[in-house]
Amino acid sequence: MNGKTIRWITNLLLCIGTGFMITGFTTLIIGEAIDADTIRTGATMSVVSFFVIIASYVVAMLEEEV
């Protein structure tokens, strides 16, 4: 892959990860604390976003090798 493609993938992953993190945290904060499904959904989105953001940094490291 060339550097431009890697930058595009990194930006896309960061956008997806940040969006999921904000949505997950908002679900945890605004959602009803009594509803287990809301808590589970918010926590899942937050955890998934963490791994997506980590993946974006791994892709960014690949850019340095190209």
PDB file of N, CA and C in Angstrom:
ATOM      1  N   MET A   1       0.851  -1.185   0.000  1.00  0.00           N
ATOM      2  CA  MET A   1       0.000   0.000   0.000  1.00  0.00           C
ATOM      3  C   MET A   1       0.889   1.238   0.000  1.00  0.00           C
ATOM      4  N   ASN A   2       0.406   2.261  -0.645  1.00  0.00           N
ATOM      5  CA  ASN A   2       1.175   3.500  -0.628  1.00  0.00           C
ATOM      6  C   ASN A   2       0.793   4.343   0.588  1.00  0.00           C
ATOM      7  N   GLY A   3       1.567   5.397   0.834  1.00  0.00           N
ATOM      8  CA  GLY A   3       1.360   6.219   2.028  1.00  0.00           C
ATOM      9  C   GLY A   3       0.004   6.893   2.083  1.00  0.00           C
ATOM     10  N   LYS A   4      -0.522   7.295   0.911  1.00  0.00           N
ATOM     11  CA  LYS A   4      -1.815   7.981   0.879  1.00  0.00           C
ATOM     12  C   LYS A   4      -2.948   7.041   1.294  1.00  0.00           C
ATOM     13  N   THR A   5      -2.890   5.790   0.842  1.00  0.00           N
ATOM     14  CA  THR A   5      -3.908   4.803   1.211  1.00  0.00           C
ATOM     15  C   THR A   5      -3.861   4.514   2.701  1.00  0.00           C
ATOM     16  N   ILE A   6      -2.658   4.393   3.245  1.00  0.00           N
ATOM     17  CA  ILE A   6      -2.518   4.110   4.671  1.00  0.00           C
ATOM     18  C   ILE A   6      -3.044   5.280   5.496  1.00  0.00           C
ATOM     19  N   ARG A   7      -2.762   6.514   5.073  1.00  0.00           N
ATOM     20  CA  ARG A   7      -3.295   7.675   5.788  1.00  0.00           C
ATOM     21  C   ARG A   7      -4.815   7.688   5.756  1.00  0.00           C
ATOM     22  N   TRP A   8      -5.395   7.335   4.614  1.00  0.00           N
ATOM     23  CA  TRP A   8      -6.848   7.314   4.474  1.00  0.00           C
ATOM     24  C   TRP A   8      -7.454   6.266   5.402  1.00  0.00           C
ATOM     25  N   ILE A   9      -6.850   5.079   5.447  1.00  0.00           N
ATOM     26  CA  ILE A   9      -7.347   4.014   6.327  1.00  0.00           C
ATOM     27  C   ILE A   9      -7.214   4.431   7.787  1.00  0.00           C
ATOM     28  N   THR A  10      -6.094   5.059   8.144  1.00  0.00           N
ATOM     29  CA  THR A  10      -5.897   5.517   9.522  1.00  0.00           C
ATOM     30  C   THR A  10      -6.964   6.528   9.920  1.00  0.00           C
ATOM     31  N   ASN A  11      -7.226   7.496   9.063  1.00  0.00           N
ATOM     32  CA  ASN A  11      -8.247   8.503   9.366  1.00  0.00           C
ATOM     33  C   ASN A  11      -9.627   7.875   9.483  1.00  0.00           C
ATOM     34  N   LEU A  12      -9.939   6.927   8.609  1.00  0.00           N
ATOM     35  CA  LEU A  12     -11.233   6.252   8.670  1.00  0.00           C
ATOM     36  C   LEU A  12     -11.391   5.488   9.979  1.00  0.00           C
ATOM     37  N   LEU A  13     -10.359   4.740  10.368  1.00  0.00           N
ATOM     38  CA  LEU A  13     -10.432   3.979  11.613  1.00  0.00           C
ATOM     39  C   LEU A  13     -10.544   4.897  12.824  1.00  0.00           C
ATOM     40  N   LEU A  14      -9.820   6.017  12.810  1.00  0.00           N
ATOM     41  CA  LEU A  14      -9.928   6.964  13.922  1.00  0.00           C
ATOM     42  C   LEU A  14     -11.327   7.557  14.010  1.00  0.00           C
ATOM     43  N   CYS A  15     -11.923   7.870  12.860  1.00  0.00           N
ATOM     44  CA  CYS A  15     -13.288   8.418  12.862  1.00  0.00           C
ATOM     45  C   CYS A  15     -14.285   7.400  13.396  1.00  0.00           C
ATOM     46  N   ILE A  16     -14.176   6.162  12.933  1.00  0.00           N
ATOM     47  CA  ILE A  16     -15.090   5.117  13.402  1.00  0.00           C
ATOM     48  C   ILE A  16     -14.894   4.878  14.895  1.00  0.00           C
ATOM     49  N   GLY A  17     -13.635   4.768  15.323  1.00  0.00           N
ATOM     50  CA  GLY A  17     -13.355   4.519  16.738  1.00  0.00           C
ATOM     51  C   GLY A  17     -13.838   5.637  17.635  1.00  0.00           C
ATOM     52  N   THR A  18     -13.600   6.873  17.221  1.00  0.00           N
ATOM     53  CA  THR A  18     -14.045   8.015  18.020  1.00  0.00           C
ATOM     54  C   THR A  18     -15.562   8.090  18.067  1.00  0.00           C
ATOM     55  N   GLY A  19     -16.204   7.844  16.934  1.00  0.00           N
ATOM     56  CA  GLY A  19     -17.673   7.856  16.902  1.00  0.00           C
ATOM     57  C   GLY A  19     -18.270   6.803  17.812  1.00  0.00           C
ATOM     58  N   PHE A  20     -17.714   5.597  17.770  1.00  0.00           N
ATOM     59  CA  PHE A  20     -18.211   4.533  18.640  1.00  0.00           C
ATOM     60  C   PHE A  20     -17.973   4.875  20.104  1.00  0.00           C
ATOM     61  N   MET A  21     -16.803   5.464  20.409  1.00  0.00           N
ATOM     62  CA  MET A  21     -16.501   5.785  21.797  1.00  0.00           C
ATOM     63  C   MET A  21     -17.462   6.842  22.330  1.00  0.00           C
ATOM     64  N   ILE A  22     -17.693   7.880  21.552  1.00  0.00           N
ATOM     65  CA  ILE A  22     -18.613   8.933  21.987  1.00  0.00           C
ATOM     66  C   ILE A  22     -20.025   8.378  22.144  1.00  0.00           C
ATOM     67  N   THR A  23     -20.456   7.573  21.178  1.00  0.00           N
ATOM     68  CA  THR A  23     -21.794   6.986  21.264  1.00  0.00           C
ATOM     69  C   THR A  23     -21.907   6.051  22.457  1.00  0.00           C
ATOM     70  N   GLY A  24     -20.884   5.238  22.690  1.00  0.00           N
ATOM     71  CA  GLY A  24     -20.910   4.308  23.821  1.00  0.00           C
ATOM     72  C   GLY A  24     -20.939   5.024  25.159  1.00  0.00           C
ATOM     73  N   PHE A  25     -20.083   6.034  25.324  1.00  0.00           N
ATOM     74  CA  PHE A  25     -20.070   6.780  26.575  1.00  0.00           C
ATOM     75  C   PHE A  25     -21.372   7.552  26.777  1.00  0.00           C
ATOM     76  N   THR A  26     -21.907   8.108  25.695  1.00  0.00           N
ATOM     77  CA  THR A  26     -23.176   8.828  25.795  1.00  0.00           C
ATOM     78  C   THR A  26     -24.296   7.885  26.193  1.00  0.00           C
ATOM     79  N   THR A  27     -24.287   6.685  25.628  1.00  0.00           N
ATOM     80  CA  THR A  27     -25.291   5.689  25.996  1.00  0.00           C
ATOM     81  C   THR A  27     -25.180   5.342  27.469  1.00  0.00           C
ATOM     82  N   LEU A  28     -23.952   5.229  27.966  1.00  0.00           N
ATOM     83  CA  LEU A  28     -23.770   4.918  29.382  1.00  0.00           C
ATOM     84  C   LEU A  28     -24.219   6.068  30.277  1.00  0.00           C
ATOM     85  N   ILE A  29     -23.959   7.301  29.849  1.00  0.00           N
ATOM     86  CA  ILE A  29     -24.286   8.461  30.685  1.00  0.00           C
ATOM     87  C   ILE A  29     -25.770   8.798  30.632  1.00  0.00           C
ATOM     88  N   ILE A  30     -26.324   8.881  29.414  1.00  0.00           N
ATOM     89  CA  ILE A  30     -27.710   9.313  29.258  1.00  0.00           C
ATOM     90  C   ILE A  30     -28.695   8.172  29.469  1.00  0.00           C
ATOM     91  N   GLY A  31     -28.289   6.964  29.090  1.00  0.00           N
ATOM     92  CA  GLY A  31     -29.195   5.816  29.186  1.00  0.00           C
ATOM     93  C   GLY A  31     -29.609   5.539  30.620  1.00  0.00           C
ATOM     94  N   GLU A  32     -30.674   4.823  30.730  1.00  0.00           N
ATOM     95  CA  GLU A  32     -31.159   4.466  32.060  1.00  0.00           C
ATOM     96  C   GLU A  32     -30.194   3.473  32.693  1.00  0.00           C
ATOM     97  N   ALA A  33     -29.728   3.789  33.874  1.00  0.00           N
ATOM     98  CA  ALA A  33     -28.756   2.939  34.555  1.00  0.00           C
ATOM     99  C   ALA A  33     -29.369   1.612  34.986  1.00  0.00           C
ATOM    100  N   ILE A  34     -30.681   1.550  35.039  1.00  0.00           N
ATOM    101  CA  ILE A  34     -31.358   0.331  35.469  1.00  0.00           C
ATOM    102  C   ILE A  34     -31.407  -0.693  34.334  1.00  0.00           C
ATOM    103  N   ASP A  35     -31.470  -0.224  33.104  1.00  0.00           N
ATOM    104  CA  ASP A  35     -31.621  -1.103  31.951  1.00  0.00           C
ATOM    105  C   ASP A  35     -30.287  -1.777  31.625  1.00  0.00           C
ATOM    106  N   ALA A  36     -30.229  -3.091  31.792  1.00  0.00           N
ATOM    107  CA  ALA A  36     -28.986  -3.834  31.564  1.00  0.00           C
ATOM    108  C   ALA A  36     -28.578  -3.823  30.096  1.00  0.00           C
ATOM    109  N   ASP A  37     -29.543  -3.844  29.188  1.00  0.00           N
ATOM    110  CA  ASP A  37     -29.208  -3.835  27.763  1.00  0.00           C
ATOM    111  C   ASP A  37     -28.530  -2.531  27.362  1.00  0.00           C
ATOM    112  N   THR A  38     -28.979  -1.421  27.925  1.00  0.00           N
ATOM    113  CA  THR A  38     -28.368  -0.128  27.617  1.00  0.00           C
ATOM    114  C   THR A  38     -26.935  -0.083  28.118  1.00  0.00           C
ATOM    115  N   ILE A  39     -26.709  -0.569  29.317  1.00  0.00           N
ATOM    116  CA  ILE A  39     -25.363  -0.585  29.884  1.00  0.00           C
ATOM    117  C   ILE A  39     -24.463  -1.504  29.065  1.00  0.00           C
ATOM    118  N   ARG A  40     -24.973  -2.672  28.694  1.00  0.00           N
ATOM    119  CA  ARG A  40     -24.195  -3.623  27.905  1.00  0.00           C
ATOM    120  C   ARG A  40     -23.839  -3.041  26.532  1.00  0.00           C
ATOM    121  N   THR A  41     -24.803  -2.391  25.900  1.00  0.00           N
ATOM    122  CA  THR A  41     -24.560  -1.797  24.585  1.00  0.00           C
ATOM    123  C   THR A  41     -23.523  -0.682  24.667  1.00  0.00           C
ATOM    124  N   GLY A  42     -23.662   0.192  25.648  1.00  0.00           N
ATOM    125  CA  GLY A  42     -22.707   1.290  25.812  1.00  0.00           C
ATOM    126  C   GLY A  42     -21.305   0.791  26.100  1.00  0.00           C
ATOM    127  N   ALA A  43     -21.207  -0.204  26.973  1.00  0.00           N
ATOM    128  CA  ALA A  43     -19.894  -0.750  27.311  1.00  0.00           C
ATOM    129  C   ALA A  43     -19.269  -1.463  26.117  1.00  0.00           C
ATOM    130  N   THR A  44     -20.078  -2.194  25.363  1.00  0.00           N
ATOM    131  CA  THR A  44     -19.566  -2.891  24.179  1.00  0.00           C
ATOM    132  C   THR A  44     -19.047  -1.901  23.149  1.00  0.00           C
ATOM    133  N   MET A  45     -19.798  -0.840  22.909  1.00  0.00           N
ATOM    134  CA  MET A  45     -19.361   0.161  21.936  1.00  0.00           C
ATOM    135  C   MET A  45     -18.072   0.840  22.391  1.00  0.00           C
ATOM    136  N   SER A  46     -17.954   1.098  23.674  1.00  0.00           N
ATOM    137  CA  SER A  46     -16.742   1.737  24.190  1.00  0.00           C
ATOM    138  C   SER A  46     -15.527   0.827  24.037  1.00  0.00           C
ATOM    139  N   VAL A  47     -15.702  -0.450  24.340  1.00  0.00           N
ATOM    140  CA  VAL A  47     -14.586  -1.396  24.231  1.00  0.00           C
ATOM    141  C   VAL A  47     -14.190  -1.604  22.770  1.00  0.00           C
ATOM    142  N   VAL A  48     -15.182  -1.757  21.896  1.00  0.00           N
ATOM    143  CA  VAL A  48     -14.889  -1.935  20.470  1.00  0.00           C
ATOM    144  C   VAL A  48     -14.155  -0.711  19.931  1.00  0.00           C
ATOM    145  N   SER A  49     -14.575   0.470  20.352  1.00  0.00           N
ATOM    146  CA  SER A  49     -13.924   1.685  19.859  1.00  0.00           C
ATOM    147  C   SER A  49     -12.469   1.748  20.293  1.00  0.00           C
ATOM    148  N   PHE A  50     -12.176   1.263  21.490  1.00  0.00           N
ATOM    149  CA  PHE A  50     -10.796   1.244  21.963  1.00  0.00           C
ATOM    150  C   PHE A  50      -9.924   0.410  21.021  1.00  0.00           C
ATOM    151  N   PHE A  51     -10.420  -0.768  20.646  1.00  0.00           N
ATOM    152  CA  PHE A  51      -9.643  -1.632  19.762  1.00  0.00           C
ATOM    153  C   PHE A  51      -9.549  -1.072  18.344  1.00  0.00           C
ATOM    154  N   VAL A  52     -10.581  -0.376  17.884  1.00  0.00           N
ATOM    155  CA  VAL A  52     -10.522   0.243  16.557  1.00  0.00           C
ATOM    156  C   VAL A  52      -9.492   1.370  16.547  1.00  0.00           C
ATOM    157  N   ILE A  53      -9.438   2.148  17.615  1.00  0.00           N
ATOM    158  CA  ILE A  53      -8.445   3.224  17.700  1.00  0.00           C
ATOM    159  C   ILE A  53      -7.031   2.638  17.769  1.00  0.00           C
ATOM    160  N   ILE A  54      -6.855   1.550  18.506  1.00  0.00           N
ATOM    161  CA  ILE A  54      -5.549   0.878  18.551  1.00  0.00           C
ATOM    162  C   ILE A  54      -5.168   0.377  17.158  1.00  0.00           C
ATOM    163  N   ALA A  55      -6.138  -0.180  16.438  1.00  0.00           N
ATOM    164  CA  ALA A  55      -5.868  -0.656  15.074  1.00  0.00           C
ATOM    165  C   ALA A  55      -5.441   0.495  14.171  1.00  0.00           C
ATOM    166  N   SER A  56      -6.024   1.669  14.378  1.00  0.00           N
ATOM    167  CA  SER A  56      -5.639   2.814  13.549  1.00  0.00           C
ATOM    168  C   SER A  56      -4.198   3.227  13.822  1.00  0.00           C
ATOM    169  N   TYR A  57      -3.755   3.109  15.066  1.00  0.00           N
ATOM    170  CA  TYR A  57      -2.361   3.426  15.359  1.00  0.00           C
ATOM    171  C   TYR A  57      -1.415   2.383  14.768  1.00  0.00           C
ATOM    172  N   VAL A  58      -1.844   1.126  14.734  1.00  0.00           N
ATOM    173  CA  VAL A  58      -1.029   0.087  14.100  1.00  0.00           C
ATOM    174  C   VAL A  58      -0.884   0.382  12.607  1.00  0.00           C
ATOM    175  N   VAL A  59      -1.982   0.783  11.975  1.00  0.00           N
ATOM    176  CA  VAL A  59      -1.927   1.139  10.556  1.00  0.00           C
ATOM    177  C   VAL A  59      -1.018   2.349  10.354  1.00  0.00           C
ATOM    178  N   ALA A  60      -1.069   3.300  11.272  1.00  0.00           N
ATOM    179  CA  ALA A  60      -0.197   4.474  11.171  1.00  0.00           C
ATOM    180  C   ALA A  60       1.275   4.076  11.291  1.00  0.00           C
ATOM    181  N   MET A  61       1.563   3.079  12.098  1.00  0.00           N
ATOM    182  CA  MET A  61       2.941   2.601  12.209  1.00  0.00           C
ATOM    183  C   MET A  61       3.403   1.969  10.897  1.00  0.00           C
ATOM    184  N   LEU A  62       2.479   1.333  10.184  1.00  0.00           N
ATOM    185  CA  LEU A  62       2.824   0.759   8.880  1.00  0.00           C
ATOM    186  C   LEU A  62       3.213   1.849   7.887  1.00  0.00           C
ATOM    187  N   GLU A  63       2.643   3.035   8.073  1.00  0.00           N
ATOM    188  CA  GLU A  63       2.948   4.149   7.177  1.00  0.00           C
ATOM    189  C   GLU A  63       4.428   4.520   7.257  1.00  0.00           C
ATOM    190  N   GLU A  64       4.996   4.422   8.442  1.00  0.00           N
ATOM    191  CA  GLU A  64       6.401   4.774   8.606  1.00  0.00           C
ATOM    192  C   GLU A  64       7.310   3.795   7.869  1.00  0.00           C
ATOM    193  N   GLU A  65       6.857   2.552   7.713  1.00  0.00           N
ATOM    194  CA  GLU A  65       7.667   1.546   7.035  1.00  0.00           C
ATOM    195  C   GLU A  65       7.610   1.692   5.523  1.00  0.00           C
ATOM    196  N   VAL A  66       6.571   2.358   5.000  1.00  0.00           N
ATOM    197  CA  VAL A  66       6.409   2.479   3.544  1.00  0.00           C
ATOM    198  C   VAL A  66       7.285   3.577   3.006  1.00  0.00           C
TER     199      VAL A  66
END
